[in-house]
Structure formats: structure tokens, C-alpha cells
N, C-alpha and C. Protein backbone atom coordinates (compact mmCIF):
# COMPACT_ATOMS: atom_id res chain seq x y z
N MET A 1 57.38 126.54 61.44
CA MET A 1 56.52 125.38 61.62
C MET A 1 56.26 125.17 63.11
N PRO A 2 54.99 125.09 63.53
CA PRO A 2 54.72 124.91 64.95
C PRO A 2 55.03 123.48 65.39
N TYR A 3 55.53 123.39 66.61
CA TYR A 3 55.81 122.08 67.19
C TYR A 3 54.75 121.77 68.23
N PHE A 4 54.24 120.56 68.20
CA PHE A 4 53.25 120.15 69.17
C PHE A 4 53.88 119.12 70.10
N SER A 5 53.72 119.35 71.38
CA SER A 5 54.29 118.43 72.36
C SER A 5 53.69 117.05 72.20
N ALA A 6 54.54 116.06 72.41
CA ALA A 6 54.08 114.66 72.30
C ALA A 6 53.21 114.32 73.50
N PRO A 7 52.09 113.64 73.28
CA PRO A 7 51.23 113.23 74.39
C PRO A 7 51.94 112.24 75.32
N PHE A 8 51.54 112.28 76.58
CA PHE A 8 52.15 111.43 77.60
C PHE A 8 52.11 109.95 77.22
N TRP A 9 50.96 109.45 76.79
CA TRP A 9 50.82 108.02 76.52
C TRP A 9 51.70 107.57 75.35
N ARG A 10 51.88 108.46 74.39
CA ARG A 10 52.76 108.13 73.26
C ARG A 10 54.22 108.08 73.74
N ARG A 11 54.59 109.02 74.60
CA ARG A 11 55.95 109.02 75.17
C ARG A 11 56.19 107.77 76.01
N LEU A 12 55.19 107.41 76.82
CA LEU A 12 55.32 106.23 77.67
C LEU A 12 55.45 104.96 76.83
N ALA A 13 54.63 104.83 75.80
CA ALA A 13 54.70 103.65 74.93
C ALA A 13 56.05 103.59 74.22
N ALA A 14 56.57 104.74 73.78
CA ALA A 14 57.89 104.78 73.14
C ALA A 14 58.97 104.35 74.12
N ARG A 15 58.87 104.79 75.37
CA ARG A 15 59.85 104.42 76.41
C ARG A 15 59.81 102.91 76.66
N LEU A 16 58.62 102.32 76.69
CA LEU A 16 58.51 100.87 76.92
C LEU A 16 59.11 100.08 75.75
N ILE A 17 58.88 100.54 74.53
CA ILE A 17 59.49 99.89 73.36
C ILE A 17 61.01 100.01 73.46
N ASP A 18 61.50 101.20 73.82
CA ASP A 18 62.95 101.40 73.95
C ASP A 18 63.55 100.52 75.05
N LEU A 19 62.82 100.32 76.14
CA LEU A 19 63.32 99.43 77.20
C LEU A 19 63.43 98.00 76.69
N ALA A 20 62.46 97.57 75.89
CA ALA A 20 62.53 96.22 75.32
C ALA A 20 63.72 96.10 74.37
N VAL A 21 63.94 97.14 73.54
CA VAL A 21 65.09 97.14 72.64
C VAL A 21 66.38 97.13 73.44
N CYS A 22 66.41 97.91 74.52
CA CYS A 22 67.60 97.98 75.36
C CYS A 22 67.91 96.62 76.00
N LEU A 23 66.88 95.93 76.44
CA LEU A 23 67.10 94.59 77.01
C LEU A 23 67.62 93.62 75.95
N ALA A 24 67.11 93.72 74.73
CA ALA A 24 67.62 92.86 73.65
C ALA A 24 69.09 93.17 73.37
N LEU A 25 69.44 94.46 73.33
CA LEU A 25 70.84 94.85 73.13
C LEU A 25 71.71 94.37 74.29
N THR A 26 71.17 94.40 75.50
CA THR A 26 71.90 93.93 76.68
C THR A 26 72.24 92.46 76.54
N PHE A 27 71.29 91.67 76.10
CA PHE A 27 71.56 90.24 75.92
C PHE A 27 72.59 90.01 74.82
N LEU A 28 72.54 90.82 73.76
CA LEU A 28 73.56 90.70 72.71
C LEU A 28 74.95 91.01 73.26
N LEU A 29 75.04 92.00 74.13
CA LEU A 29 76.32 92.35 74.74
C LEU A 29 76.77 91.31 75.77
N ALA A 30 75.82 90.65 76.39
CA ALA A 30 76.15 89.66 77.43
C ALA A 30 76.84 88.43 76.85
N VAL A 31 76.57 88.13 75.60
CA VAL A 31 77.19 86.94 74.98
C VAL A 31 78.72 87.04 75.00
N PRO A 32 79.32 88.12 74.47
CA PRO A 32 80.78 88.20 74.54
C PRO A 32 81.30 88.53 75.94
N ALA A 33 80.47 89.11 76.80
CA ALA A 33 80.92 89.46 78.16
C ALA A 33 81.02 88.25 79.07
N THR A 34 80.24 87.22 78.82
CA THR A 34 80.21 86.04 79.71
C THR A 34 81.57 85.36 79.84
N PRO A 35 82.30 85.11 78.75
CA PRO A 35 83.63 84.51 78.93
C PRO A 35 84.57 85.39 79.76
N LEU A 36 84.45 86.69 79.62
CA LEU A 36 85.29 87.60 80.41
C LEU A 36 84.96 87.49 81.90
N VAL A 37 83.69 87.35 82.22
CA VAL A 37 83.29 87.19 83.62
C VAL A 37 83.83 85.87 84.17
N LEU A 38 83.75 84.82 83.37
CA LEU A 38 84.26 83.52 83.82
C LEU A 38 85.77 83.56 84.05
N ILE A 39 86.49 84.25 83.18
CA ILE A 39 87.95 84.39 83.35
C ILE A 39 88.24 85.19 84.61
N ALA A 40 87.52 86.30 84.81
CA ALA A 40 87.74 87.13 86.00
C ALA A 40 87.43 86.34 87.27
N GLU A 41 86.39 85.53 87.23
CA GLU A 41 86.03 84.70 88.39
C GLU A 41 87.14 83.71 88.69
N ALA A 42 87.72 83.11 87.67
CA ALA A 42 88.82 82.15 87.87
C ALA A 42 90.05 82.82 88.45
N VAL A 43 90.28 84.07 88.05
CA VAL A 43 91.48 84.79 88.52
C VAL A 43 91.31 85.28 89.95
N ILE A 44 90.17 85.90 90.27
CA ILE A 44 90.04 86.50 91.61
C ILE A 44 89.28 85.64 92.61
N GLY A 45 88.68 84.57 92.17
CA GLY A 45 88.02 83.66 93.09
C GLY A 45 86.52 83.67 92.97
N SER A 46 85.91 82.53 93.24
CA SER A 46 84.47 82.37 93.06
C SER A 46 83.65 83.05 94.14
N GLU A 47 84.29 83.51 95.25
CA GLU A 47 83.51 84.19 96.29
C GLU A 47 82.97 85.54 95.80
N TYR A 48 83.51 86.04 94.68
CA TYR A 48 83.04 87.30 94.11
C TYR A 48 82.11 87.08 92.91
N GLU A 49 81.64 85.86 92.74
CA GLU A 49 80.84 85.52 91.57
C GLU A 49 79.61 86.42 91.43
N ASP A 50 78.85 86.59 92.52
CA ASP A 50 77.64 87.40 92.44
C ASP A 50 77.95 88.85 92.10
N THR A 51 79.00 89.39 92.71
CA THR A 51 79.39 90.77 92.42
C THR A 51 79.81 90.93 90.97
N LEU A 52 80.61 89.99 90.48
CA LEU A 52 81.05 90.04 89.09
C LEU A 52 79.86 89.97 88.13
N LEU A 53 78.93 89.09 88.43
CA LEU A 53 77.74 88.97 87.57
C LEU A 53 76.91 90.24 87.59
N ASP A 54 76.74 90.84 88.77
CA ASP A 54 75.99 92.09 88.87
C ASP A 54 76.66 93.21 88.09
N VAL A 55 77.97 93.35 88.28
CA VAL A 55 78.71 94.40 87.58
C VAL A 55 78.64 94.19 86.06
N ALA A 56 78.83 92.95 85.63
CA ALA A 56 78.78 92.66 84.19
C ALA A 56 77.40 92.93 83.61
N ALA A 57 76.36 92.54 84.34
CA ALA A 57 75.00 92.77 83.86
C ALA A 57 74.71 94.27 83.74
N TRP A 58 75.09 95.03 84.77
CA TRP A 58 74.86 96.48 84.72
C TRP A 58 75.72 97.13 83.64
N ALA A 59 76.94 96.66 83.45
CA ALA A 59 77.80 97.23 82.41
C ALA A 59 77.20 96.99 81.02
N CYS A 60 76.67 95.79 80.80
CA CYS A 60 76.03 95.49 79.51
C CYS A 60 74.78 96.35 79.32
N TYR A 61 73.98 96.46 80.37
CA TYR A 61 72.75 97.26 80.27
C TYR A 61 73.08 98.73 80.05
N PHE A 62 74.05 99.26 80.79
CA PHE A 62 74.41 100.66 80.67
C PHE A 62 74.97 100.96 79.27
N THR A 63 75.79 100.06 78.76
CA THR A 63 76.34 100.22 77.40
C THR A 63 75.22 100.22 76.36
N ALA A 64 74.27 99.30 76.51
CA ALA A 64 73.14 99.25 75.58
C ALA A 64 72.31 100.52 75.69
N TYR A 65 72.12 101.02 76.90
CA TYR A 65 71.32 102.22 77.11
C TYR A 65 72.00 103.45 76.50
N ILE A 66 73.33 103.52 76.61
CA ILE A 66 74.06 104.61 75.97
C ILE A 66 73.88 104.54 74.46
N GLY A 67 73.98 103.34 73.91
CA GLY A 67 73.79 103.17 72.47
C GLY A 67 72.42 103.63 72.01
N LEU A 68 71.41 103.29 72.79
CA LEU A 68 70.04 103.62 72.43
C LEU A 68 69.73 105.09 72.67
N GLU A 69 70.04 105.59 73.87
CA GLU A 69 69.61 106.91 74.28
C GLU A 69 70.59 108.04 73.94
N VAL A 70 71.78 107.72 73.52
CA VAL A 70 72.72 108.77 73.14
C VAL A 70 73.04 108.66 71.65
N PHE A 71 73.74 107.60 71.27
CA PHE A 71 74.18 107.49 69.88
C PHE A 71 73.02 107.41 68.90
N MET A 72 72.03 106.57 69.20
CA MET A 72 70.91 106.44 68.28
C MET A 72 70.07 107.71 68.24
N LEU A 73 69.88 108.33 69.40
CA LEU A 73 69.11 109.57 69.45
C LEU A 73 69.76 110.65 68.59
N LEU A 74 71.09 110.71 68.63
CA LEU A 74 71.80 111.70 67.83
C LEU A 74 71.79 111.36 66.34
N ARG A 75 71.94 110.10 66.04
CA ARG A 75 72.08 109.69 64.62
C ARG A 75 70.75 109.50 63.91
N ARG A 76 69.67 109.34 64.67
CA ARG A 76 68.35 109.15 64.04
C ARG A 76 67.50 110.41 64.16
N ASP A 77 68.16 111.55 64.23
CA ASP A 77 67.46 112.84 64.24
C ASP A 77 66.48 112.96 65.42
N GLY A 78 66.95 112.59 66.62
CA GLY A 78 66.13 112.76 67.82
C GLY A 78 65.15 111.64 68.06
N GLN A 79 65.28 110.54 67.34
CA GLN A 79 64.35 109.43 67.51
C GLN A 79 65.09 108.13 67.82
N THR A 80 64.73 107.53 68.93
CA THR A 80 65.17 106.16 69.21
C THR A 80 64.24 105.24 68.42
N ILE A 81 64.38 103.95 68.59
CA ILE A 81 63.47 103.01 67.90
C ILE A 81 62.02 103.28 68.30
N GLY A 82 61.77 103.33 69.60
CA GLY A 82 60.40 103.56 70.09
C GLY A 82 59.84 104.90 69.67
N LYS A 83 60.65 105.93 69.79
CA LYS A 83 60.19 107.27 69.41
C LYS A 83 59.88 107.33 67.91
N GLY A 84 60.71 106.67 67.10
CA GLY A 84 60.45 106.66 65.67
C GLY A 84 59.16 105.93 65.32
N LEU A 85 58.96 104.78 65.95
CA LEU A 85 57.75 104.00 65.67
C LEU A 85 56.47 104.73 66.08
N LEU A 86 56.56 105.53 67.15
CA LEU A 86 55.37 106.21 67.65
C LEU A 86 55.27 107.67 67.24
N GLY A 87 56.21 108.13 66.43
CA GLY A 87 56.10 109.47 65.89
C GLY A 87 56.37 110.59 66.88
N VAL A 88 57.42 110.43 67.68
CA VAL A 88 57.86 111.52 68.56
C VAL A 88 59.36 111.72 68.38
N ARG A 89 59.83 112.91 68.76
CA ARG A 89 61.22 113.27 68.52
C ARG A 89 61.71 114.20 69.63
N VAL A 90 62.97 114.05 70.02
CA VAL A 90 63.58 114.95 71.00
C VAL A 90 64.29 116.06 70.26
N VAL A 91 63.98 117.30 70.63
CA VAL A 91 64.59 118.48 70.01
C VAL A 91 64.96 119.47 71.11
N PRO A 92 65.83 120.44 70.80
CA PRO A 92 66.09 121.51 71.77
C PRO A 92 64.80 122.29 72.04
N ALA A 93 64.61 122.71 73.28
CA ALA A 93 63.39 123.44 73.64
C ALA A 93 63.38 124.84 73.05
N ASP A 94 64.55 125.42 72.84
CA ASP A 94 64.66 126.76 72.27
C ASP A 94 64.22 126.72 70.81
N PRO A 95 63.15 127.43 70.46
CA PRO A 95 62.68 127.38 69.07
C PRO A 95 63.66 127.99 68.07
N TRP A 96 64.64 128.77 68.55
CA TRP A 96 65.61 129.40 67.67
C TRP A 96 66.86 128.56 67.50
N ALA A 97 67.00 127.50 68.29
CA ALA A 97 68.17 126.63 68.18
C ALA A 97 68.02 125.74 66.95
N ARG A 98 69.16 125.20 66.49
CA ARG A 98 69.05 124.25 65.38
C ARG A 98 68.26 123.05 65.88
N PRO A 99 67.43 122.47 65.05
CA PRO A 99 66.50 121.42 65.52
C PRO A 99 67.15 120.06 65.70
N ARG A 100 68.40 120.03 66.10
CA ARG A 100 69.12 118.77 66.28
C ARG A 100 69.70 118.73 67.69
N LEU A 101 69.63 117.60 68.31
CA LEU A 101 70.16 117.40 69.65
C LEU A 101 71.67 117.27 69.60
N ASP A 102 72.36 117.85 70.57
CA ASP A 102 73.81 117.74 70.67
C ASP A 102 74.19 116.62 71.65
N LEU A 103 75.46 116.24 71.63
CA LEU A 103 75.95 115.12 72.43
C LEU A 103 75.78 115.35 73.93
N ARG A 104 76.17 116.51 74.42
CA ARG A 104 76.11 116.74 75.87
C ARG A 104 74.68 116.63 76.42
N PRO A 105 73.69 117.35 75.85
CA PRO A 105 72.33 117.19 76.37
C PRO A 105 71.81 115.75 76.25
N ALA A 106 72.18 115.07 75.18
CA ALA A 106 71.74 113.67 75.03
C ALA A 106 72.32 112.79 76.13
N ALA A 107 73.60 112.99 76.46
CA ALA A 107 74.26 112.18 77.49
C ALA A 107 73.69 112.49 78.88
N VAL A 108 73.50 113.77 79.18
CA VAL A 108 72.95 114.15 80.49
C VAL A 108 71.51 113.66 80.62
N ARG A 109 70.76 113.80 79.56
CA ARG A 109 69.37 113.32 79.53
C ARG A 109 69.32 111.81 79.82
N MET A 110 70.23 111.06 79.17
CA MET A 110 70.29 109.61 79.38
C MET A 110 70.59 109.28 80.84
N LEU A 111 71.54 109.98 81.44
CA LEU A 111 71.88 109.71 82.85
C LEU A 111 70.72 110.01 83.79
N ILE A 112 70.01 111.10 83.54
CA ILE A 112 68.88 111.45 84.40
C ILE A 112 67.77 110.40 84.30
N ILE A 113 67.59 109.83 83.13
CA ILE A 113 66.59 108.77 82.96
C ILE A 113 67.07 107.46 83.57
N PHE A 114 68.34 107.15 83.39
CA PHE A 114 68.90 105.86 83.79
C PHE A 114 69.12 105.72 85.30
N LEU A 115 69.64 106.77 85.94
CA LEU A 115 70.08 106.66 87.33
C LEU A 115 68.99 106.27 88.34
N PRO A 116 67.76 106.77 88.24
CA PRO A 116 66.76 106.31 89.20
C PRO A 116 66.57 104.79 89.21
N PHE A 117 66.57 104.19 88.04
CA PHE A 117 66.39 102.73 87.98
C PHE A 117 67.62 102.00 88.52
N PHE A 118 68.79 102.56 88.27
CA PHE A 118 70.02 101.98 88.80
C PHE A 118 70.00 102.03 90.33
N PHE A 119 69.69 103.19 90.90
CA PHE A 119 69.68 103.33 92.36
C PHE A 119 68.61 102.46 92.99
N LEU A 120 67.46 102.33 92.36
CA LEU A 120 66.41 101.44 92.89
C LEU A 120 66.89 99.99 92.91
N SER A 121 67.58 99.58 91.87
CA SER A 121 68.09 98.22 91.80
C SER A 121 69.16 97.97 92.86
N VAL A 122 70.09 98.92 93.00
CA VAL A 122 71.17 98.77 93.99
C VAL A 122 70.59 98.73 95.40
N ALA A 123 69.62 99.60 95.69
CA ALA A 123 69.01 99.61 97.02
C ALA A 123 68.24 98.32 97.27
N GLY A 124 67.61 97.79 96.23
CA GLY A 124 66.86 96.54 96.38
C GLY A 124 67.77 95.36 96.67
N SER A 125 69.00 95.41 96.17
CA SER A 125 69.92 94.30 96.42
C SER A 125 70.69 94.47 97.73
N ASN A 126 70.54 95.62 98.40
CA ASN A 126 71.17 95.88 99.69
C ASN A 126 70.13 96.43 100.67
N PRO A 127 69.19 95.60 101.12
CA PRO A 127 68.06 96.11 101.91
C PRO A 127 68.46 96.67 103.28
N GLU A 128 69.66 96.39 103.76
CA GLU A 128 70.07 96.88 105.08
C GLU A 128 70.60 98.31 105.05
N SER A 129 70.83 98.87 103.88
CA SER A 129 71.45 100.18 103.75
C SER A 129 70.41 101.30 103.73
N THR A 130 70.34 102.06 104.82
CA THR A 130 69.41 103.18 104.90
C THR A 130 69.79 104.28 103.91
N ALA A 131 71.09 104.53 103.76
CA ALA A 131 71.53 105.56 102.83
C ALA A 131 71.10 105.24 101.41
N LEU A 132 71.27 103.97 101.00
CA LEU A 132 70.84 103.58 99.66
C LEU A 132 69.32 103.68 99.51
N ASP A 133 68.59 103.36 100.58
CA ASP A 133 67.14 103.50 100.53
C ASP A 133 66.73 104.95 100.29
N ILE A 134 67.41 105.87 100.97
CA ILE A 134 67.10 107.29 100.80
C ILE A 134 67.41 107.74 99.38
N VAL A 135 68.56 107.34 98.86
CA VAL A 135 68.92 107.69 97.47
C VAL A 135 67.91 107.10 96.50
N ALA A 136 67.53 105.85 96.72
CA ALA A 136 66.59 105.18 95.83
C ALA A 136 65.22 105.86 95.87
N MET A 137 64.77 106.22 97.05
CA MET A 137 63.46 106.86 97.16
C MET A 137 63.49 108.26 96.52
N THR A 138 64.59 108.97 96.66
CA THR A 138 64.75 110.27 96.01
C THR A 138 64.73 110.09 94.48
N ALA A 139 65.46 109.10 94.00
CA ALA A 139 65.49 108.82 92.57
C ALA A 139 64.10 108.45 92.06
N PHE A 140 63.39 107.62 92.81
CA PHE A 140 62.04 107.24 92.41
C PHE A 140 61.11 108.45 92.42
N GLY A 141 61.32 109.34 93.38
CA GLY A 141 60.53 110.58 93.44
C GLY A 141 60.74 111.42 92.19
N THR A 142 61.99 111.51 91.69
CA THR A 142 62.24 112.28 90.47
C THR A 142 61.54 111.64 89.27
N PHE A 143 61.51 110.31 89.26
CA PHE A 143 60.81 109.60 88.19
C PHE A 143 59.31 109.93 88.23
N LEU A 144 58.72 109.90 89.42
CA LEU A 144 57.29 110.21 89.55
C LEU A 144 56.99 111.66 89.15
N VAL A 145 57.86 112.59 89.58
CA VAL A 145 57.67 113.99 89.21
C VAL A 145 57.74 114.14 87.69
N SER A 146 58.67 113.44 87.05
CA SER A 146 58.77 113.49 85.59
C SER A 146 57.50 112.99 84.92
N CYS A 147 56.93 111.92 85.47
CA CYS A 147 55.67 111.40 84.91
C CYS A 147 54.56 112.43 85.02
N VAL A 148 54.47 113.10 86.17
CA VAL A 148 53.44 114.12 86.36
C VAL A 148 53.68 115.29 85.40
N LEU A 149 54.93 115.73 85.28
CA LEU A 149 55.24 116.84 84.38
C LEU A 149 54.91 116.50 82.93
N ALA A 150 55.10 115.25 82.54
CA ALA A 150 54.80 114.83 81.17
C ALA A 150 53.29 114.85 80.89
N LEU A 151 52.49 114.89 81.94
CA LEU A 151 51.04 114.96 81.78
C LEU A 151 50.52 116.40 81.67
N VAL A 152 51.36 117.38 82.02
CA VAL A 152 50.91 118.77 82.12
C VAL A 152 51.18 119.53 80.82
N PRO A 153 50.13 119.84 80.06
CA PRO A 153 50.33 120.56 78.80
C PRO A 153 50.88 121.98 79.00
N ALA A 154 50.62 122.60 80.15
CA ALA A 154 51.02 123.99 80.36
C ALA A 154 52.53 124.19 80.29
N ASN A 155 53.31 123.19 80.63
CA ASN A 155 54.78 123.32 80.57
C ASN A 155 55.34 122.61 79.34
N SER A 156 54.52 122.43 78.32
CA SER A 156 54.90 121.72 77.09
C SER A 156 55.27 120.27 77.37
N ARG A 157 54.73 119.73 78.46
CA ARG A 157 54.95 118.32 78.84
C ARG A 157 56.43 118.01 79.04
N ARG A 158 57.19 118.98 79.48
CA ARG A 158 58.63 118.79 79.68
C ARG A 158 58.90 118.17 81.05
N THR A 159 59.61 117.05 81.04
CA THR A 159 59.95 116.32 82.26
C THR A 159 61.22 116.89 82.88
N ILE A 160 61.67 116.29 83.99
CA ILE A 160 62.89 116.76 84.65
C ILE A 160 64.07 116.69 83.68
N HIS A 161 64.22 115.57 82.98
CA HIS A 161 65.35 115.47 82.05
C HIS A 161 65.23 116.45 80.89
N ASP A 162 64.03 116.81 80.50
CA ASP A 162 63.85 117.84 79.47
C ASP A 162 64.23 119.22 80.01
N LEU A 163 63.79 119.53 81.22
CA LEU A 163 64.07 120.84 81.81
C LEU A 163 65.56 121.04 82.06
N VAL A 164 66.22 120.00 82.57
CA VAL A 164 67.65 120.11 82.87
C VAL A 164 68.48 120.25 81.60
N THR A 165 68.11 119.54 80.55
CA THR A 165 68.93 119.52 79.33
C THR A 165 68.44 120.50 78.25
N GLY A 166 67.36 121.22 78.51
CA GLY A 166 66.87 122.17 77.52
C GLY A 166 66.29 121.49 76.29
N THR A 167 65.58 120.38 76.51
CA THR A 167 64.98 119.65 75.39
C THR A 167 63.47 119.58 75.58
N ARG A 168 62.82 119.12 74.54
CA ARG A 168 61.40 118.80 74.63
C ARG A 168 61.11 117.67 73.64
N VAL A 169 60.03 116.97 73.87
CA VAL A 169 59.64 115.87 72.99
C VAL A 169 58.41 116.33 72.22
N ILE A 170 58.54 116.27 70.90
CA ILE A 170 57.47 116.77 70.04
C ILE A 170 56.93 115.65 69.15
N ARG A 171 55.79 115.92 68.56
CA ARG A 171 55.27 115.00 67.55
C ARG A 171 56.12 115.12 66.30
N ALA A 172 56.30 114.00 65.62
CA ALA A 172 57.12 113.97 64.41
C ALA A 172 56.61 112.87 63.50
N PRO A 173 57.06 112.85 62.26
CA PRO A 173 56.66 111.73 61.38
C PRO A 173 57.16 110.40 61.94
N LYS A 174 56.36 109.37 61.77
CA LYS A 174 56.78 108.04 62.20
C LYS A 174 57.90 107.55 61.32
N ARG A 175 58.70 106.67 61.88
CA ARG A 175 59.87 106.16 61.15
C ARG A 175 59.92 104.65 61.30
N LYS A 176 60.08 103.96 60.19
CA LYS A 176 60.18 102.50 60.23
C LYS A 176 61.54 102.08 60.77
N VAL A 177 61.59 100.88 61.25
CA VAL A 177 62.85 100.32 61.75
C VAL A 177 63.59 99.67 60.60
N GLU A 178 64.82 100.07 60.41
CA GLU A 178 65.73 99.41 59.48
C GLU A 178 66.78 98.75 60.36
N LEU A 179 66.52 97.50 60.73
CA LEU A 179 67.25 96.84 61.81
C LEU A 179 68.77 96.96 61.69
N LYS A 180 69.34 96.59 60.56
CA LYS A 180 70.79 96.61 60.43
C LYS A 180 71.32 98.04 60.54
N LYS A 181 70.71 98.95 59.83
CA LYS A 181 71.15 100.35 59.84
C LYS A 181 70.97 100.97 61.23
N ASP A 182 69.82 100.72 61.85
CA ASP A 182 69.53 101.30 63.16
C ASP A 182 70.45 100.75 64.24
N LEU A 183 70.73 99.46 64.20
CA LEU A 183 71.64 98.88 65.20
C LEU A 183 73.05 99.44 65.05
N MET A 184 73.47 99.71 63.83
CA MET A 184 74.78 100.32 63.62
C MET A 184 74.83 101.72 64.23
N MET A 185 73.69 102.39 64.27
CA MET A 185 73.64 103.73 64.85
C MET A 185 73.82 103.70 66.37
N ALA A 186 73.60 102.54 66.99
CA ALA A 186 73.74 102.41 68.45
C ALA A 186 75.19 102.18 68.86
N LEU A 187 76.06 101.94 67.89
CA LEU A 187 77.46 101.68 68.21
C LEU A 187 78.23 102.98 68.39
N PRO A 188 79.25 102.97 69.27
CA PRO A 188 80.05 104.18 69.43
C PRO A 188 80.84 104.48 68.17
N GLY A 189 81.22 105.70 68.05
CA GLY A 189 81.99 106.15 66.90
C GLY A 189 81.73 107.61 66.65
N ARG A 190 82.36 108.11 65.66
CA ARG A 190 82.22 109.52 65.34
C ARG A 190 80.79 109.83 64.90
N ILE A 191 80.25 110.92 65.41
CA ILE A 191 78.92 111.34 65.04
C ILE A 191 79.08 112.48 64.06
N ASP A 192 78.71 112.24 62.81
CA ASP A 192 78.88 113.23 61.75
C ASP A 192 77.56 113.93 61.52
N PHE A 193 77.42 115.14 62.07
CA PHE A 193 76.18 115.88 61.93
C PHE A 193 75.94 116.36 60.51
N ALA A 194 76.97 116.41 59.70
CA ALA A 194 76.82 116.88 58.32
C ALA A 194 75.98 115.92 57.49
N LYS A 195 75.88 114.65 57.91
CA LYS A 195 75.12 113.66 57.14
C LYS A 195 73.62 113.74 57.42
N HIS A 196 73.22 114.53 58.38
CA HIS A 196 71.79 114.58 58.73
C HIS A 196 71.05 115.53 57.83
């Protein structure tokens, strides 16, 4: 069966939907995290309040992003919520490989997507740091290169995270959201490939 690369605009729309889902998951995680931050602030002092809040916010966001981009991607057959709604799927680029993503490429792929935004945020909150500015600009450059690569049909629209992890994003049947079932797929736990 031939695989057709997913168009750039469909990939971008899926990413935006996934970011919205990730923010919603972040807020769900922030509810139980808030009392922990307040306890930590009481123990170590209020002068670290901003740092504690930043760390807690990033920890909630990173946890939600792992749930969405690793666990859900593996358990929903290469489709996050956005990818499922828009009919795209992440698969190994090798046509002879089994058509299912493994844990390691999914985790590395997630980090390559996540880190540029993290570094941009950290650099933005520390404007005096030239080193952070350089890291942030390099990270932003990789994001821009990925966007350009996703526009180029000649390379199967494979971005930096696709090239590094040996994946590609293809067209696939659309998938409806089953909220309870899909949210359970974002939780950590054993990934049983035999059920797919």
C-alpha cells in the first residue's frame, strides 16, 4: 500500500490542535500540583515563589506533552488527538519496518519538538543571558528549518525530528476523539503493542 506524505497545512493544523490539548492537560495537572507548590514555598521561603511557579508550570506542561506526544502517539497507532482528527499518522520512514512507532523514536521526536519552545521561553525570562539567547536562536532556527522541510515534497516532507528519528508523517484515516479512552492513553504505564 503506498503511503502519501501528509501536507504541511494539515500537519500544522494537527500540531495546533495538539498544543491546545496539551495546554488543557497542563491545567488539569496544575490543579493537584498547586498545593505542592504552596507547601514547598512555605518550607523554603517565599523569595523563591517565582522560581517554584516556573518550575511547576514547566513540569506540568512537560508531563502533559509526554502524555500527548509519546504515550498517546504509541497507543493510538501513531496519531495524537490532532493527527487523528486531521487524518495524519506518524510511522517509521523505512517502508520495510513494522508500521508502528517504537518508544525510543517517539521520545526523541518529542524532545526535538519540545526543546526549542522551552529554550525560547527560558531565554525570554532571562534577557541578560547571551548564552541563553544563542541557544534560543539556534533552537528557533531548527524549528524554522523543520517548517521549511515540511513544505518540501522531494524529501517526503520529513522535518528535523522525522529525519533524526527515522519517521515520517503520512495521510491516514481520520479518527474521532473518544475523550475518556484517549485521555487514559496519555497516562504513563505499560505500553502493550500486542493490543494494536
